[in-house]
Amino acid sequence: MQEKPPTQGVGVQGIASAKQGISQPVQVDWNHIARLPSFEMFAFEKSQNPIGDVDKWMPQFLQNSIAQVGNETLLAEYCQWHEAKGCWPNETPMGELRT
């Protein structure tokens, strides 16, 4: 008796498999982060002590910083600064309590 070859199938893997090799841009909720006292201090130091109300200069700071370095780099810089500053040991850079 002759053995049959293994079953072959044809199918579509879909978009999920096509995206595996493509890095997705980091989505950051800057509206939330920009309101955190720690991020305000970071932005204040990084923008060389701006004058005036934070609500006035923060949008421009974010726009310029993201245009210069991108979301991922700005977020990484902030996270590194947050940890090095040490002012909020029980809080993550995103303002959540550490458990």
N, C-alpha and C. Protein backbone atom coordinates (compact mmCIF):
# COMPACT_ATOMS: atom_id res chain seq x y z
N MET A 1 0.83 -1.16 0.00
CA MET A 1 0.00 0.00 0.00
C MET A 1 0.89 1.24 0.00
N GLN A 2 0.49 2.19 -0.76
CA GLN A 2 1.27 3.40 -0.92
C GLN A 2 0.81 4.47 0.09
N GLU A 3 1.80 5.11 0.80
CA GLU A 3 1.46 6.14 1.78
C GLU A 3 1.13 7.45 1.10
N LYS A 4 0.16 8.12 1.66
CA LYS A 4 -0.22 9.41 1.12
C LYS A 4 0.72 10.48 1.67
N PRO A 5 0.99 11.49 0.87
CA PRO A 5 1.81 12.60 1.38
C PRO A 5 1.00 13.38 2.41
N PRO A 6 1.68 14.15 3.27
CA PRO A 6 0.96 14.92 4.27
C PRO A 6 0.01 15.92 3.62
N THR A 7 -1.06 16.22 4.32
CA THR A 7 -2.05 17.16 3.81
C THR A 7 -1.43 18.54 3.69
N GLN A 8 -1.72 19.17 2.58
CA GLN A 8 -1.26 20.53 2.37
C GLN A 8 -2.44 21.46 2.46
N GLY A 9 -2.22 22.62 3.00
CA GLY A 9 -3.30 23.58 3.12
C GLY A 9 -2.85 24.95 2.63
N VAL A 10 -3.78 25.67 2.14
CA VAL A 10 -3.53 27.03 1.71
C VAL A 10 -4.47 27.92 2.49
N GLY A 11 -3.93 28.97 3.05
CA GLY A 11 -4.77 29.87 3.84
C GLY A 11 -4.18 31.26 3.88
N VAL A 12 -4.93 32.12 4.43
CA VAL A 12 -4.49 33.50 4.58
C VAL A 12 -4.17 33.73 6.05
N GLN A 13 -2.99 34.21 6.31
CA GLN A 13 -2.57 34.46 7.69
C GLN A 13 -3.20 35.73 8.24
N GLY A 14 -3.50 36.65 7.40
CA GLY A 14 -4.12 37.90 7.85
C GLY A 14 -3.09 38.98 8.11
N ILE A 15 -3.60 40.10 8.51
CA ILE A 15 -2.76 41.28 8.71
C ILE A 15 -1.89 41.17 9.94
N ALA A 16 -2.31 40.42 10.95
CA ALA A 16 -1.55 40.31 12.19
C ALA A 16 -0.15 39.77 11.93
N SER A 17 -0.03 38.77 11.10
CA SER A 17 1.29 38.22 10.84
C SER A 17 2.13 39.17 10.00
N ALA A 18 1.50 39.95 9.14
CA ALA A 18 2.25 40.90 8.33
C ALA A 18 2.83 42.01 9.18
N LYS A 19 2.18 42.33 10.30
CA LYS A 19 2.65 43.42 11.15
C LYS A 19 3.78 43.00 12.08
N GLN A 20 4.07 41.73 12.18
CA GLN A 20 5.08 41.28 13.13
C GLN A 20 6.44 41.90 12.88
N GLY A 21 6.79 42.11 11.63
CA GLY A 21 8.09 42.67 11.31
C GLY A 21 8.11 44.18 11.31
N ILE A 22 6.97 44.81 11.52
CA ILE A 22 6.87 46.26 11.46
C ILE A 22 6.69 46.79 12.88
N SER A 23 7.57 47.71 13.27
CA SER A 23 7.40 48.27 14.61
C SER A 23 6.30 49.32 14.58
N GLN A 24 5.44 49.25 15.56
CA GLN A 24 4.32 50.18 15.67
C GLN A 24 4.77 51.41 16.44
N PRO A 25 4.31 52.59 16.04
CA PRO A 25 4.68 53.79 16.79
C PRO A 25 4.10 53.74 18.19
N VAL A 26 4.84 54.29 19.12
CA VAL A 26 4.39 54.32 20.50
C VAL A 26 3.29 55.36 20.65
N GLN A 27 2.19 54.96 21.25
CA GLN A 27 1.09 55.88 21.52
C GLN A 27 1.26 56.38 22.95
N VAL A 28 1.34 57.69 23.10
CA VAL A 28 1.55 58.29 24.41
C VAL A 28 0.42 59.27 24.67
N ASP A 29 -0.16 59.19 25.85
CA ASP A 29 -1.22 60.12 26.24
C ASP A 29 -0.56 61.36 26.85
N TRP A 30 -0.09 62.24 25.97
CA TRP A 30 0.61 63.44 26.43
C TRP A 30 -0.31 64.35 27.21
N ASN A 31 -1.61 64.34 26.93
CA ASN A 31 -2.54 65.18 27.70
C ASN A 31 -2.52 64.79 29.18
N HIS A 32 -2.45 63.50 29.44
CA HIS A 32 -2.38 63.02 30.83
C HIS A 32 -1.00 63.32 31.43
N ILE A 33 0.04 62.95 30.72
CA ILE A 33 1.40 63.10 31.24
C ILE A 33 1.75 64.56 31.48
N ALA A 34 1.34 65.44 30.57
CA ALA A 34 1.70 66.86 30.68
C ALA A 34 1.09 67.52 31.92
N ARG A 35 0.09 66.91 32.50
CA ARG A 35 -0.55 67.48 33.70
C ARG A 35 0.07 66.98 35.01
N LEU A 36 0.99 66.03 34.90
CA LEU A 36 1.65 65.50 36.10
C LEU A 36 2.69 66.49 36.60
N PRO A 37 2.72 66.73 37.92
CA PRO A 37 3.74 67.64 38.45
C PRO A 37 5.16 67.23 38.07
N SER A 38 5.42 65.94 38.04
CA SER A 38 6.77 65.48 37.68
C SER A 38 7.11 65.84 36.24
N PHE A 39 6.16 65.69 35.32
CA PHE A 39 6.45 66.04 33.94
C PHE A 39 6.58 67.55 33.78
N GLU A 40 5.78 68.30 34.53
CA GLU A 40 5.90 69.76 34.47
C GLU A 40 7.30 70.18 34.91
N MET A 41 7.82 69.55 35.95
CA MET A 41 9.18 69.87 36.40
C MET A 41 10.20 69.49 35.34
N PHE A 42 10.04 68.31 34.75
CA PHE A 42 10.92 67.86 33.67
C PHE A 42 10.93 68.87 32.53
N ALA A 43 9.75 69.28 32.10
CA ALA A 43 9.63 70.22 30.99
C ALA A 43 10.22 71.57 31.37
N PHE A 44 9.99 72.00 32.60
CA PHE A 44 10.52 73.27 33.09
C PHE A 44 12.04 73.27 33.03
N GLU A 45 12.65 72.18 33.51
CA GLU A 45 14.11 72.08 33.49
C GLU A 45 14.65 71.96 32.06
N LYS A 46 13.98 71.16 31.26
CA LYS A 46 14.45 70.91 29.90
C LYS A 46 14.31 72.15 29.01
N SER A 47 13.29 72.97 29.26
CA SER A 47 13.08 74.14 28.42
C SER A 47 13.78 75.37 28.99
N GLN A 48 14.68 75.16 29.89
CA GLN A 48 15.51 76.22 30.47
C GLN A 48 14.67 77.30 31.14
N ASN A 49 13.82 76.85 32.04
CA ASN A 49 13.06 77.74 32.92
C ASN A 49 12.19 78.76 32.18
N PRO A 50 11.15 78.29 31.51
CA PRO A 50 10.26 79.23 30.81
C PRO A 50 9.51 80.12 31.79
N ILE A 51 9.06 81.24 31.29
CA ILE A 51 8.34 82.21 32.13
C ILE A 51 6.85 82.12 31.82
N GLY A 52 6.05 82.24 32.86
CA GLY A 52 4.61 82.28 32.66
C GLY A 52 3.91 81.01 33.11
N ASP A 53 2.64 80.98 32.82
CA ASP A 53 1.75 79.89 33.19
C ASP A 53 2.10 78.63 32.40
N VAL A 54 2.20 77.50 33.10
CA VAL A 54 2.55 76.24 32.45
C VAL A 54 1.56 75.87 31.35
N ASP A 55 0.29 76.22 31.53
CA ASP A 55 -0.71 75.92 30.51
C ASP A 55 -0.45 76.67 29.21
N LYS A 56 0.29 77.75 29.30
CA LYS A 56 0.60 78.54 28.10
C LYS A 56 1.79 77.98 27.33
N TRP A 57 2.85 77.58 28.04
CA TRP A 57 4.05 77.14 27.34
C TRP A 57 4.17 75.63 27.14
N MET A 58 3.40 74.84 27.90
CA MET A 58 3.51 73.38 27.77
C MET A 58 3.15 72.86 26.38
N PRO A 59 2.06 73.32 25.75
CA PRO A 59 1.75 72.80 24.40
C PRO A 59 2.88 73.03 23.40
N GLN A 60 3.49 74.19 23.47
CA GLN A 60 4.60 74.50 22.55
C GLN A 60 5.81 73.64 22.88
N PHE A 61 6.07 73.43 24.17
CA PHE A 61 7.17 72.56 24.57
C PHE A 61 6.98 71.15 24.01
N LEU A 62 5.78 70.61 24.19
CA LEU A 62 5.49 69.26 23.68
C LEU A 62 5.63 69.19 22.17
N GLN A 63 5.06 70.15 21.49
CA GLN A 63 5.11 70.15 20.03
C GLN A 63 6.56 70.20 19.54
N ASN A 64 7.36 71.08 20.10
CA ASN A 64 8.76 71.20 19.69
C ASN A 64 9.56 69.95 20.04
N SER A 65 9.37 69.44 21.24
CA SER A 65 10.14 68.27 21.68
C SER A 65 9.80 67.04 20.87
N ILE A 66 8.52 66.81 20.61
CA ILE A 66 8.12 65.64 19.82
C ILE A 66 8.63 65.78 18.39
N ALA A 67 8.59 66.98 17.84
CA ALA A 67 9.10 67.20 16.49
C ALA A 67 10.61 66.95 16.42
N GLN A 68 11.33 67.29 17.48
CA GLN A 68 12.78 67.13 17.49
C GLN A 68 13.22 65.70 17.71
N VAL A 69 12.63 65.02 18.70
CA VAL A 69 13.13 63.69 19.07
C VAL A 69 12.13 62.56 18.90
N GLY A 70 10.84 62.88 18.78
CA GLY A 70 9.82 61.85 18.62
C GLY A 70 9.24 61.41 19.96
N ASN A 71 8.10 60.74 19.88
CA ASN A 71 7.37 60.27 21.06
C ASN A 71 8.21 59.35 21.94
N GLU A 72 8.80 58.34 21.31
CA GLU A 72 9.52 57.32 22.08
C GLU A 72 10.70 57.90 22.84
N THR A 73 11.47 58.75 22.17
CA THR A 73 12.65 59.31 22.80
C THR A 73 12.28 60.28 23.92
N LEU A 74 11.28 61.13 23.68
CA LEU A 74 10.86 62.06 24.72
C LEU A 74 10.34 61.31 25.93
N LEU A 75 9.55 60.28 25.71
CA LEU A 75 9.03 59.47 26.82
C LEU A 75 10.18 58.79 27.56
N ALA A 76 11.15 58.25 26.84
CA ALA A 76 12.30 57.59 27.47
C ALA A 76 13.12 58.59 28.28
N GLU A 77 13.33 59.78 27.74
CA GLU A 77 14.07 60.81 28.47
C GLU A 77 13.35 61.18 29.76
N TYR A 78 12.05 61.35 29.67
CA TYR A 78 11.25 61.69 30.85
C TYR A 78 11.33 60.57 31.90
N CYS A 79 11.18 59.31 31.46
CA CYS A 79 11.23 58.19 32.40
C CYS A 79 12.59 58.10 33.08
N GLN A 80 13.66 58.30 32.33
CA GLN A 80 15.00 58.27 32.91
C GLN A 80 15.18 59.42 33.91
N TRP A 81 14.71 60.60 33.53
CA TRP A 81 14.80 61.76 34.41
C TRP A 81 14.01 61.50 35.69
N HIS A 82 12.81 60.95 35.55
CA HIS A 82 11.93 60.68 36.70
C HIS A 82 12.62 59.76 37.70
N GLU A 83 13.22 58.70 37.20
CA GLU A 83 13.90 57.74 38.08
C GLU A 83 15.12 58.38 38.73
N ALA A 84 15.89 59.14 37.97
CA ALA A 84 17.10 59.76 38.49
C ALA A 84 16.78 60.85 39.51
N LYS A 85 15.70 61.57 39.31
CA LYS A 85 15.32 62.66 40.21
C LYS A 85 15.00 62.12 41.60
N GLY A 86 14.29 61.02 41.67
CA GLY A 86 14.02 60.36 42.94
C GLY A 86 13.01 61.07 43.83
N CYS A 87 12.31 62.06 43.32
CA CYS A 87 11.35 62.81 44.15
C CYS A 87 10.04 62.06 44.36
N TRP A 88 9.77 61.07 43.53
CA TRP A 88 8.50 60.35 43.59
C TRP A 88 8.78 58.85 43.65
N PRO A 89 9.37 58.37 44.74
CA PRO A 89 9.76 56.96 44.81
C PRO A 89 8.59 55.98 44.77
N ASN A 90 7.40 56.43 45.18
CA ASN A 90 6.24 55.53 45.21
C ASN A 90 5.34 55.73 44.01
N GLU A 91 5.82 56.41 42.99
CA GLU A 91 4.99 56.73 41.84
C GLU A 91 5.75 56.41 40.55
N THR A 92 5.04 55.86 39.58
CA THR A 92 5.65 55.61 38.27
C THR A 92 5.71 56.93 37.50
N PRO A 93 6.46 56.99 36.41
CA PRO A 93 6.48 58.21 35.60
C PRO A 93 5.11 58.59 35.05
N MET A 94 4.20 57.63 34.99
CA MET A 94 2.85 57.90 34.47
C MET A 94 1.89 58.33 35.57
N GLY A 95 2.41 58.51 36.79
CA GLY A 95 1.58 59.00 37.89
C GLY A 95 0.83 57.93 38.65
N GLU A 96 1.12 56.67 38.39
CA GLU A 96 0.43 55.58 39.09
C GLU A 96 1.24 55.18 40.31
N LEU A 97 0.54 54.74 41.36
CA LEU A 97 1.23 54.28 42.56
C LEU A 97 1.92 52.94 42.28
N ARG A 98 3.13 52.83 42.78
CA ARG A 98 3.86 51.54 42.65
C ARG A 98 3.30 50.57 43.68
N THR A 99 3.24 49.32 43.29
CA THR A 99 2.75 48.31 44.24
C THR A 99 3.86 47.41 44.71
